[in-house]
Amino acid sequence: MVKKKDKYYALIVDDDPIFVEQLTGFLMQTELFTAPHVCLTSTQAVAALHEQTFDIIFLDIVLPDMSALDLLQMIPEGRPVCAISAHPRGQLL
């Protein structure tokens, strides 16, 4: 049986500072997470993925500097990823 962690480490990759603040607040309220690592760009996220292991990654679908699908391929296999977006469906097409 795998021992449950006391706290989980999350990566948030999103360029919307208001959403990042809200998601960070929610994660901290659960008391299951340490303060999440936040990246506003894919470039920052790539660097963070090389430096740290994350228990879960919240990944914005629309990023300013790289396709989220390209970034997704750089995430180590087996890492849970939650795809997020504040954009209406029509703006993604």
PDB file of N, CA and C in Angstrom:
ATOM      1  N   MET A   1       0.837  -1.186   0.000  1.00  0.00           N
ATOM      2  CA  MET A   1       0.000   0.000   0.000  1.00  0.00           C
ATOM      3  C   MET A   1       0.885   1.254   0.000  1.00  0.00           C
ATOM      4  N   VAL A   2       0.545   2.215  -0.840  1.00  0.00           N
ATOM      5  CA  VAL A   2       1.311   3.456  -0.951  1.00  0.00           C
ATOM      6  C   VAL A   2       0.860   4.422   0.147  1.00  0.00           C
ATOM      7  N   LYS A   3       1.852   4.988   0.861  1.00  0.00           N
ATOM      8  CA  LYS A   3       1.547   5.945   1.910  1.00  0.00           C
ATOM      9  C   LYS A   3       1.077   7.253   1.291  1.00  0.00           C
ATOM     10  N   LYS A   4      -0.007   7.781   1.816  1.00  0.00           N
ATOM     11  CA  LYS A   4      -0.537   9.061   1.355  1.00  0.00           C
ATOM     12  C   LYS A   4       0.387  10.189   1.801  1.00  0.00           C
ATOM     13  N   LYS A   5       0.637  11.141   0.923  1.00  0.00           N
ATOM     14  CA  LYS A   5       1.475  12.296   1.252  1.00  0.00           C
ATOM     15  C   LYS A   5       0.727  13.229   2.203  1.00  0.00           C
ATOM     16  N   ASP A   6       1.511  13.962   2.987  1.00  0.00           N
ATOM     17  CA  ASP A   6       0.909  14.981   3.848  1.00  0.00           C
ATOM     18  C   ASP A   6       0.440  16.176   3.014  1.00  0.00           C
ATOM     19  N   LYS A   7       1.262  16.554   2.038  1.00  0.00           N
ATOM     20  CA  LYS A   7       0.944  17.677   1.154  1.00  0.00           C
ATOM     21  C   LYS A   7       1.370  17.327  -0.271  1.00  0.00           C
ATOM     22  N   TYR A   8       0.598  17.794  -1.242  1.00  0.00           N
ATOM     23  CA  TYR A   8       0.897  17.563  -2.648  1.00  0.00           C
ATOM     24  C   TYR A   8       1.451  18.843  -3.261  1.00  0.00           C
ATOM     25  N   TYR A   9       2.228  18.665  -4.341  1.00  0.00           N
ATOM     26  CA  TYR A   9       2.869  19.789  -5.003  1.00  0.00           C
ATOM     27  C   TYR A   9       2.279  19.954  -6.394  1.00  0.00           C
ATOM     28  N   ALA A  10       1.677  21.117  -6.635  1.00  0.00           N
ATOM     29  CA  ALA A  10       0.998  21.382  -7.900  1.00  0.00           C
ATOM     30  C   ALA A  10       1.747  22.417  -8.725  1.00  0.00           C
ATOM     31  N   LEU A  11       1.625  22.265 -10.039  1.00  0.00           N
ATOM     32  CA  LEU A  11       2.109  23.256 -10.992  1.00  0.00           C
ATOM     33  C   LEU A  11       0.904  23.843 -11.696  1.00  0.00           C
ATOM     34  N   ILE A  12       0.807  25.153 -11.693  1.00  0.00           N
ATOM     35  CA  ILE A  12      -0.252  25.849 -12.435  1.00  0.00           C
ATOM     36  C   ILE A  12       0.416  26.568 -13.595  1.00  0.00           C
ATOM     37  N   VAL A  13      -0.036  26.255 -14.814  1.00  0.00           N
ATOM     38  CA  VAL A  13       0.478  26.915 -16.014  1.00  0.00           C
ATOM     39  C   VAL A  13      -0.696  27.663 -16.642  1.00  0.00           C
ATOM     40  N   ASP A  14      -0.740  28.969 -16.426  1.00  0.00           N
ATOM     41  CA  ASP A  14      -1.860  29.774 -16.911  1.00  0.00           C
ATOM     42  C   ASP A  14      -1.423  31.228 -16.954  1.00  0.00           C
ATOM     43  N   ASP A  15      -1.815  31.948 -18.000  1.00  0.00           N
ATOM     44  CA  ASP A  15      -1.405  33.345 -18.164  1.00  0.00           C
ATOM     45  C   ASP A  15      -2.421  34.344 -17.622  1.00  0.00           C
ATOM     46  N   ASP A  16      -3.473  33.863 -16.968  1.00  0.00           N
ATOM     47  CA  ASP A  16      -4.496  34.741 -16.400  1.00  0.00           C
ATOM     48  C   ASP A  16      -4.256  34.879 -14.890  1.00  0.00           C
ATOM     49  N   PRO A  17      -3.711  36.020 -14.447  1.00  0.00           N
ATOM     50  CA  PRO A  17      -3.355  36.164 -13.033  1.00  0.00           C
ATOM     51  C   PRO A  17      -4.544  36.057 -12.078  1.00  0.00           C
ATOM     52  N   ILE A  18      -5.713  36.468 -12.513  1.00  0.00           N
ATOM     53  CA  ILE A  18      -6.897  36.366 -11.647  1.00  0.00           C
ATOM     54  C   ILE A  18      -7.272  34.902 -11.447  1.00  0.00           C
ATOM     55  N   PHE A  19      -7.275  34.116 -12.530  1.00  0.00           N
ATOM     56  CA  PHE A  19      -7.580  32.698 -12.403  1.00  0.00           C
ATOM     57  C   PHE A  19      -6.527  31.993 -11.552  1.00  0.00           C
ATOM     58  N   VAL A  20      -5.264  32.332 -11.771  1.00  0.00           N
ATOM     59  CA  VAL A  20      -4.182  31.724 -10.988  1.00  0.00           C
ATOM     60  C   VAL A  20      -4.396  31.998  -9.497  1.00  0.00           C
ATOM     61  N   GLU A  21      -4.744  33.221  -9.165  1.00  0.00           N
ATOM     62  CA  GLU A  21      -4.989  33.580  -7.767  1.00  0.00           C
ATOM     63  C   GLU A  21      -6.153  32.768  -7.192  1.00  0.00           C
ATOM     64  N   GLN A  22      -7.228  32.628  -7.965  1.00  0.00           N
ATOM     65  CA  GLN A  22      -8.394  31.878  -7.487  1.00  0.00           C
ATOM     66  C   GLN A  22      -8.074  30.394  -7.309  1.00  0.00           C
ATOM     67  N   LEU A  23      -7.388  29.791  -8.278  1.00  0.00           N
ATOM     68  CA  LEU A  23      -7.042  28.383  -8.182  1.00  0.00           C
ATOM     69  C   LEU A  23      -6.064  28.145  -7.036  1.00  0.00           C
ATOM     70  N   THR A  24      -5.092  29.035  -6.881  1.00  0.00           N
ATOM     71  CA  THR A  24      -4.146  28.921  -5.776  1.00  0.00           C
ATOM     72  C   THR A  24      -4.887  28.970  -4.440  1.00  0.00           C
ATOM     73  N   GLY A  25      -5.803  29.903  -4.313  1.00  0.00           N
ATOM     74  CA  GLY A  25      -6.590  30.022  -3.078  1.00  0.00           C
ATOM     75  C   GLY A  25      -7.391  28.768  -2.800  1.00  0.00           C
ATOM     76  N   PHE A  26      -8.008  28.216  -3.833  1.00  0.00           N
ATOM     77  CA  PHE A  26      -8.783  26.986  -3.665  1.00  0.00           C
ATOM     78  C   PHE A  26      -7.890  25.838  -3.208  1.00  0.00           C
ATOM     79  N   LEU A  27      -6.747  25.663  -3.868  1.00  0.00           N
ATOM     80  CA  LEU A  27      -5.845  24.573  -3.510  1.00  0.00           C
ATOM     81  C   LEU A  27      -5.351  24.718  -2.068  1.00  0.00           C
ATOM     82  N   MET A  28      -5.041  25.933  -1.657  1.00  0.00           N
ATOM     83  CA  MET A  28      -4.560  26.155  -0.300  1.00  0.00           C
ATOM     84  C   MET A  28      -5.660  25.908   0.734  1.00  0.00           C
ATOM     85  N   GLN A  29      -6.905  26.228   0.389  1.00  0.00           N
ATOM     86  CA  GLN A  29      -8.022  26.000   1.313  1.00  0.00           C
ATOM     87  C   GLN A  29      -8.243  24.513   1.584  1.00  0.00           C
ATOM     88  N   THR A  30      -7.918  23.680   0.611  1.00  0.00           N
ATOM     89  CA  THR A  30      -8.116  22.245   0.814  1.00  0.00           C
ATOM     90  C   THR A  30      -7.151  21.683   1.844  1.00  0.00           C
ATOM     91  N   GLU A  31      -6.058  22.396   2.088  1.00  0.00           N
ATOM     92  CA  GLU A  31      -4.995  21.978   3.004  1.00  0.00           C
ATOM     93  C   GLU A  31      -4.308  20.682   2.552  1.00  0.00           C
ATOM     94  N   LEU A  32      -4.506  20.307   1.290  1.00  0.00           N
ATOM     95  CA  LEU A  32      -3.850  19.126   0.729  1.00  0.00           C
ATOM     96  C   LEU A  32      -2.583  19.497  -0.036  1.00  0.00           C
ATOM     97  N   PHE A  33      -2.411  20.795  -0.325  1.00  0.00           N
ATOM     98  CA  PHE A  33      -1.328  21.248  -1.192  1.00  0.00           C
ATOM     99  C   PHE A  33      -0.417  22.240  -0.484  1.00  0.00           C
ATOM    100  N   THR A  34       0.862  22.199  -0.867  1.00  0.00           N
ATOM    101  CA  THR A  34       1.758  23.290  -0.520  1.00  0.00           C
ATOM    102  C   THR A  34       1.418  24.420  -1.491  1.00  0.00           C
ATOM    103  N   ALA A  35       2.006  25.589  -1.290  1.00  0.00           N
ATOM    104  CA  ALA A  35       1.767  26.684  -2.231  1.00  0.00           C
ATOM    105  C   ALA A  35       2.190  26.217  -3.620  1.00  0.00           C
ATOM    106  N   PRO A  36       1.293  26.296  -4.604  1.00  0.00           N
ATOM    107  CA  PRO A  36       1.626  25.790  -5.939  1.00  0.00           C
ATOM    108  C   PRO A  36       2.699  26.628  -6.623  1.00  0.00           C
ATOM    109  N   HIS A  37       3.432  25.964  -7.504  1.00  0.00           N
ATOM    110  CA  HIS A  37       4.397  26.655  -8.358  1.00  0.00           C
ATOM    111  C   HIS A  37       3.596  27.201  -9.540  1.00  0.00           C
ATOM    112  N   VAL A  38       3.761  28.469  -9.847  1.00  0.00           N
ATOM    113  CA  VAL A  38       2.980  29.119 -10.906  1.00  0.00           C
ATOM    114  C   VAL A  38       3.892  29.525 -12.050  1.00  0.00           C
ATOM    115  N   CYS A  39       3.474  29.196 -13.273  1.00  0.00           N
ATOM    116  CA  CYS A  39       4.163  29.617 -14.492  1.00  0.00           C
ATOM    117  C   CYS A  39       3.150  30.327 -15.376  1.00  0.00           C
ATOM    118  N   LEU A  40       3.502  31.506 -15.857  1.00  0.00           N
ATOM    119  CA  LEU A  40       2.612  32.279 -16.717  1.00  0.00           C
ATOM    120  C   LEU A  40       2.826  31.964 -18.195  1.00  0.00           C
ATOM    121  N   THR A  41       3.910  31.246 -18.516  1.00  0.00           N
ATOM    122  CA  THR A  41       4.204  30.892 -19.907  1.00  0.00           C
ATOM    123  C   THR A  41       4.644  29.432 -19.983  1.00  0.00           C
ATOM    124  N   SER A  42       4.587  28.889 -21.172  1.00  0.00           N
ATOM    125  CA  SER A  42       5.069  27.530 -21.406  1.00  0.00           C
ATOM    126  C   SER A  42       6.569  27.437 -21.177  1.00  0.00           C
ATOM    127  N   THR A  43       7.293  28.473 -21.560  1.00  0.00           N
ATOM    128  CA  THR A  43       8.746  28.486 -21.381  1.00  0.00           C
ATOM    129  C   THR A  43       9.104  28.339 -19.899  1.00  0.00           C
ATOM    130  N   GLN A  44       8.407  29.054 -19.050  1.00  0.00           N
ATOM    131  CA  GLN A  44       8.625  28.927 -17.609  1.00  0.00           C
ATOM    132  C   GLN A  44       8.272  27.513 -17.136  1.00  0.00           C
ATOM    133  N   ALA A  45       7.205  26.958 -17.681  1.00  0.00           N
ATOM    134  CA  ALA A  45       6.766  25.619 -17.280  1.00  0.00           C
ATOM    135  C   ALA A  45       7.790  24.555 -17.661  1.00  0.00           C
ATOM    136  N   VAL A  46       8.374  24.665 -18.851  1.00  0.00           N
ATOM    137  CA  VAL A  46       9.400  23.710 -19.285  1.00  0.00           C
ATOM    138  C   VAL A  46      10.560  23.722 -18.290  1.00  0.00           C
ATOM    139  N   ALA A  47      10.999  24.912 -17.886  1.00  0.00           N
ATOM    140  CA  ALA A  47      12.089  25.015 -16.916  1.00  0.00           C
ATOM    141  C   ALA A  47      11.683  24.384 -15.583  1.00  0.00           C
ATOM    142  N   ALA A  48      10.476  24.654 -15.140  1.00  0.00           N
ATOM    143  CA  ALA A  48      10.004  24.104 -13.860  1.00  0.00           C
ATOM    144  C   ALA A  48       9.920  22.584 -13.904  1.00  0.00           C
ATOM    145  N   LEU A  49       9.496  22.035 -15.029  1.00  0.00           N
ATOM    146  CA  LEU A  49       9.387  20.576 -15.165  1.00  0.00           C
ATOM    147  C   LEU A  49      10.754  19.903 -15.110  1.00  0.00           C
ATOM    148  N   HIS A  50      11.801  20.616 -15.519  1.00  0.00           N
ATOM    149  CA  HIS A  50      13.158  20.073 -15.443  1.00  0.00           C
ATOM    150  C   HIS A  50      13.740  20.162 -14.031  1.00  0.00           C
ATOM    151  N   GLU A  51      13.200  21.069 -13.224  1.00  0.00           N
ATOM    152  CA  GLU A  51      13.747  21.313 -11.894  1.00  0.00           C
ATOM    153  C   GLU A  51      12.993  20.590 -10.780  1.00  0.00           C
ATOM    154  N   GLN A  52      11.736  20.261 -10.991  1.00  0.00           N
ATOM    155  CA  GLN A  52      10.884  19.786  -9.897  1.00  0.00           C
ATOM    156  C   GLN A  52       9.950  18.690 -10.384  1.00  0.00           C
ATOM    157  N   THR A  53       9.558  17.816  -9.477  1.00  0.00           N
ATOM    158  CA  THR A  53       8.534  16.815  -9.763  1.00  0.00           C
ATOM    159  C   THR A  53       7.229  17.298  -9.146  1.00  0.00           C
ATOM    160  N   PHE A  54       6.180  17.311  -9.935  1.00  0.00           N
ATOM    161  CA  PHE A  54       4.877  17.787  -9.464  1.00  0.00           C
ATOM    162  C   PHE A  54       3.911  16.616  -9.359  1.00  0.00           C
ATOM    163  N   ASP A  55       3.026  16.687  -8.374  1.00  0.00           N
ATOM    164  CA  ASP A  55       2.031  15.636  -8.187  1.00  0.00           C
ATOM    165  C   ASP A  55       0.851  15.811  -9.135  1.00  0.00           C
ATOM    166  N   ILE A  56       0.562  17.043  -9.510  1.00  0.00           N
ATOM    167  CA  ILE A  56      -0.507  17.341 -10.468  1.00  0.00           C
ATOM    168  C   ILE A  56      -0.165  18.640 -11.185  1.00  0.00           C
ATOM    169  N   ILE A  57      -0.605  18.727 -12.446  1.00  0.00           N
ATOM    170  CA  ILE A  57      -0.342  19.917 -13.260  1.00  0.00           C
ATOM    171  C   ILE A  57      -1.667  20.439 -13.795  1.00  0.00           C
ATOM    172  N   PHE A  58      -1.932  21.707 -13.541  1.00  0.00           N
ATOM    173  CA  PHE A  58      -3.101  22.390 -14.088  1.00  0.00           C
ATOM    174  C   PHE A  58      -2.608  23.185 -15.297  1.00  0.00           C
ATOM    175  N   LEU A  59      -3.058  22.797 -16.478  1.00  0.00           N
ATOM    176  CA  LEU A  59      -2.506  23.323 -17.727  1.00  0.00           C
ATOM    177  C   LEU A  59      -3.568  24.056 -18.530  1.00  0.00           C
ATOM    178  N   ASP A  60      -3.341  25.353 -18.732  1.00  0.00           N
ATOM    179  CA  ASP A  60      -4.220  26.168 -19.577  1.00  0.00           C
ATOM    180  C   ASP A  60      -4.084  25.686 -21.018  1.00  0.00           C
ATOM    181  N   ILE A  61      -5.184  25.567 -21.698  1.00  0.00           N
ATOM    182  CA  ILE A  61      -5.190  25.101 -23.087  1.00  0.00           C
ATOM    183  C   ILE A  61      -4.639  26.170 -24.031  1.00  0.00           C
ATOM    184  N   VAL A  62      -4.908  27.438 -23.739  1.00  0.00           N
ATOM    185  CA  VAL A  62      -4.464  28.536 -24.604  1.00  0.00           C
ATOM    186  C   VAL A  62      -3.357  29.310 -23.889  1.00  0.00           C
ATOM    187  N   LEU A  63      -2.141  29.148 -24.391  1.00  0.00           N
ATOM    188  CA  LEU A  63      -0.979  29.816 -23.805  1.00  0.00           C
ATOM    189  C   LEU A  63      -0.346  30.742 -24.833  1.00  0.00           C
ATOM    190  N   PRO A  64       0.320  31.804 -24.385  1.00  0.00           N
ATOM    191  CA  PRO A  64       0.821  32.806 -25.325  1.00  0.00           C
ATOM    192  C   PRO A  64       2.052  32.403 -26.133  1.00  0.00           C
ATOM    193  N   ASP A  65       2.843  31.449 -25.651  1.00  0.00           N
ATOM    194  CA  ASP A  65       4.131  31.224 -26.302  1.00  0.00           C
ATOM    195  C   ASP A  65       4.367  29.831 -26.854  1.00  0.00           C
ATOM    196  N   MET A  66       3.444  28.904 -26.618  1.00  0.00           N
ATOM    197  CA  MET A  66       3.614  27.536 -27.119  1.00  0.00           C
ATOM    198  C   MET A  66       2.269  26.838 -27.044  1.00  0.00           C
ATOM    199  N   SER A  67       2.050  25.933 -27.942  1.00  0.00           N
ATOM    200  CA  SER A  67       0.829  25.143 -27.895  1.00  0.00           C
ATOM    201  C   SER A  67       0.804  24.305 -26.615  1.00  0.00           C
ATOM    202  N   ALA A  68      -0.324  24.288 -25.951  1.00  0.00           N
ATOM    203  CA  ALA A  68      -0.461  23.453 -24.755  1.00  0.00           C
ATOM    204  C   ALA A  68      -0.259  21.978 -25.094  1.00  0.00           C
ATOM    205  N   LEU A  69      -0.610  21.581 -26.314  1.00  0.00           N
ATOM    206  CA  LEU A  69      -0.403  20.191 -26.731  1.00  0.00           C
ATOM    207  C   LEU A  69       1.089  19.872 -26.833  1.00  0.00           C
ATOM    208  N   ASP A  70       1.886  20.824 -27.301  1.00  0.00           N
ATOM    209  CA  ASP A  70       3.340  20.626 -27.342  1.00  0.00           C
ATOM    210  C   ASP A  70       3.903  20.509 -25.925  1.00  0.00           C
ATOM    211  N   LEU A  71       3.427  21.377 -25.037  1.00  0.00           N
ATOM    212  CA  LEU A  71       3.879  21.327 -23.654  1.00  0.00           C
ATOM    213  C   LEU A  71       3.453  20.019 -22.998  1.00  0.00           C
ATOM    214  N   LEU A  72       2.275  19.571 -23.291  1.00  0.00           N
ATOM    215  CA  LEU A  72       1.768  18.318 -22.720  1.00  0.00           C
ATOM    216  C   LEU A  72       2.693  17.146 -23.039  1.00  0.00           C
ATOM    217  N   GLN A  73       3.280  17.150 -24.217  1.00  0.00           N
ATOM    218  CA  GLN A  73       4.189  16.074 -24.611  1.00  0.00           C
ATOM    219  C   GLN A  73       5.492  16.105 -23.809  1.00  0.00           C
ATOM    220  N   MET A  74       5.800  17.224 -23.174  1.00  0.00           N
ATOM    221  CA  MET A  74       7.022  17.346 -22.377  1.00  0.00           C
ATOM    222  C   MET A  74       6.815  16.944 -20.923  1.00  0.00           C
ATOM    223  N   ILE A  75       5.577  16.738 -20.538  1.00  0.00           N
ATOM    224  CA  ILE A  75       5.275  16.363 -19.155  1.00  0.00           C
ATOM    225  C   ILE A  75       5.549  14.876 -18.983  1.00  0.00           C
ATOM    226  N   PRO A  76       6.268  14.518 -17.926  1.00  0.00           N
ATOM    227  CA  PRO A  76       6.596  13.103 -17.719  1.00  0.00           C
ATOM    228  C   PRO A  76       5.344  12.218 -17.689  1.00  0.00           C
ATOM    229  N   GLU A  77       5.479  11.069 -18.310  1.00  0.00           N
ATOM    230  CA  GLU A  77       4.371  10.120 -18.368  1.00  0.00           C
ATOM    231  C   GLU A  77       3.932   9.740 -16.951  1.00  0.00           C
ATOM    232  N   GLY A  78       2.640   9.634 -16.790  1.00  0.00           N
ATOM    233  CA  GLY A  78       2.082   9.239 -15.505  1.00  0.00           C
ATOM    234  C   GLY A  78       1.718  10.394 -14.591  1.00  0.00           C
ATOM    235  N   ARG A  79       2.115  11.616 -14.960  1.00  0.00           N
ATOM    236  CA  ARG A  79       1.753  12.784 -14.152  1.00  0.00           C
ATOM    237  C   ARG A  79       0.321  13.173 -14.470  1.00  0.00           C
ATOM    238  N   PRO A  80      -0.523  13.320 -13.460  1.00  0.00           N
ATOM    239  CA  PRO A  80      -1.891  13.781 -13.725  1.00  0.00           C
ATOM    240  C   PRO A  80      -1.890  15.222 -14.226  1.00  0.00           C
ATOM    241  N   VAL A  81      -2.668  15.465 -15.276  1.00  0.00           N
ATOM    242  CA  VAL A  81      -2.797  16.805 -15.846  1.00  0.00           C
ATOM    243  C   VAL A  81      -4.275  17.146 -15.909  1.00  0.00           C
ATOM    244  N   CYS A  82      -4.615  18.326 -15.428  1.00  0.00           N
ATOM    245  CA  CYS A  82      -5.976  18.835 -15.518  1.00  0.00           C
ATOM    246  C   CYS A  82      -5.946  19.984 -16.525  1.00  0.00           C
ATOM    247  N   ALA A  83      -6.596  19.789 -17.673  1.00  0.00           N
ATOM    248  CA  ALA A  83      -6.638  20.830 -18.709  1.00  0.00           C
ATOM    249  C   ALA A  83      -7.702  21.862 -18.331  1.00  0.00           C
ATOM    250  N   ILE A  84      -7.313  23.131 -18.389  1.00  0.00           N
ATOM    251  CA  ILE A  84      -8.218  24.210 -17.999  1.00  0.00           C
ATOM    252  C   ILE A  84      -8.225  25.287 -19.069  1.00  0.00           C
ATOM    253  N   SER A  85      -9.333  26.039 -19.134  1.00  0.00           N
ATOM    254  CA  SER A  85      -9.397  27.177 -20.030  1.00  0.00           C
ATOM    255  C   SER A  85     -10.560  28.079 -19.645  1.00  0.00           C
ATOM    256  N   ALA A  86     -10.343  29.361 -19.737  1.00  0.00           N
ATOM    257  CA  ALA A  86     -11.395  30.337 -19.487  1.00  0.00           C
ATOM    258  C   ALA A  86     -11.953  30.874 -20.792  1.00  0.00           C
ATOM    259  N   HIS A  87     -11.452  30.371 -21.921  1.00  0.00           N
ATOM    260  CA  HIS A  87     -11.877  30.875 -23.215  1.00  0.00           C
ATOM    261  C   HIS A  87     -13.155  30.173 -23.671  1.00  0.00           C
ATOM    262  N   PRO A  88     -14.088  30.949 -24.248  1.00  0.00           N
ATOM    263  CA  PRO A  88     -15.279  30.305 -24.814  1.00  0.00           C
ATOM    264  C   PRO A  88     -14.861  29.347 -25.918  1.00  0.00           C
ATOM    265  N   ARG A  89     -15.609  28.323 -26.127  1.00  0.00           N
ATOM    266  CA  ARG A  89     -15.282  27.291 -27.100  1.00  0.00           C
ATOM    267  C   ARG A  89     -14.967  27.858 -28.480  1.00  0.00           C
ATOM    268  N   GLY A  90     -15.703  28.845 -28.905  1.00  0.00           N
ATOM    269  CA  GLY A  90     -15.508  29.420 -30.228  1.00  0.00           C
ATOM    270  C   GLY A  90     -14.139  30.033 -30.414  1.00  0.00           C
ATOM    271  N   GLN A  91     -13.522  30.530 -29.345  1.00  0.00           N
ATOM    272  CA  GLN A  91     -12.209  31.147 -29.468  1.00  0.00           C
ATOM    273  C   GLN A  91     -11.094  30.120 -29.613  1.00  0.00           C
ATOM    274  N   LEU A  92     -11.371  28.874 -29.282  1.00  0.00           N
ATOM    275  CA  LEU A  92     -10.343  27.831 -29.393  1.00  0.00           C
ATOM    276  C   LEU A  92     -10.221  27.293 -30.812  1.00  0.00           C
ATOM    277  N   LEU A  93     -11.264  27.461 -31.595  1.00  0.00           N
ATOM    278  CA  LEU A  93     -11.281  26.874 -32.950  1.00  0.00           C
ATOM    279  C   LEU A  93     -10.594  27.732 -33.967  1.00  0.00           C
TER     280      LEU A  93
END
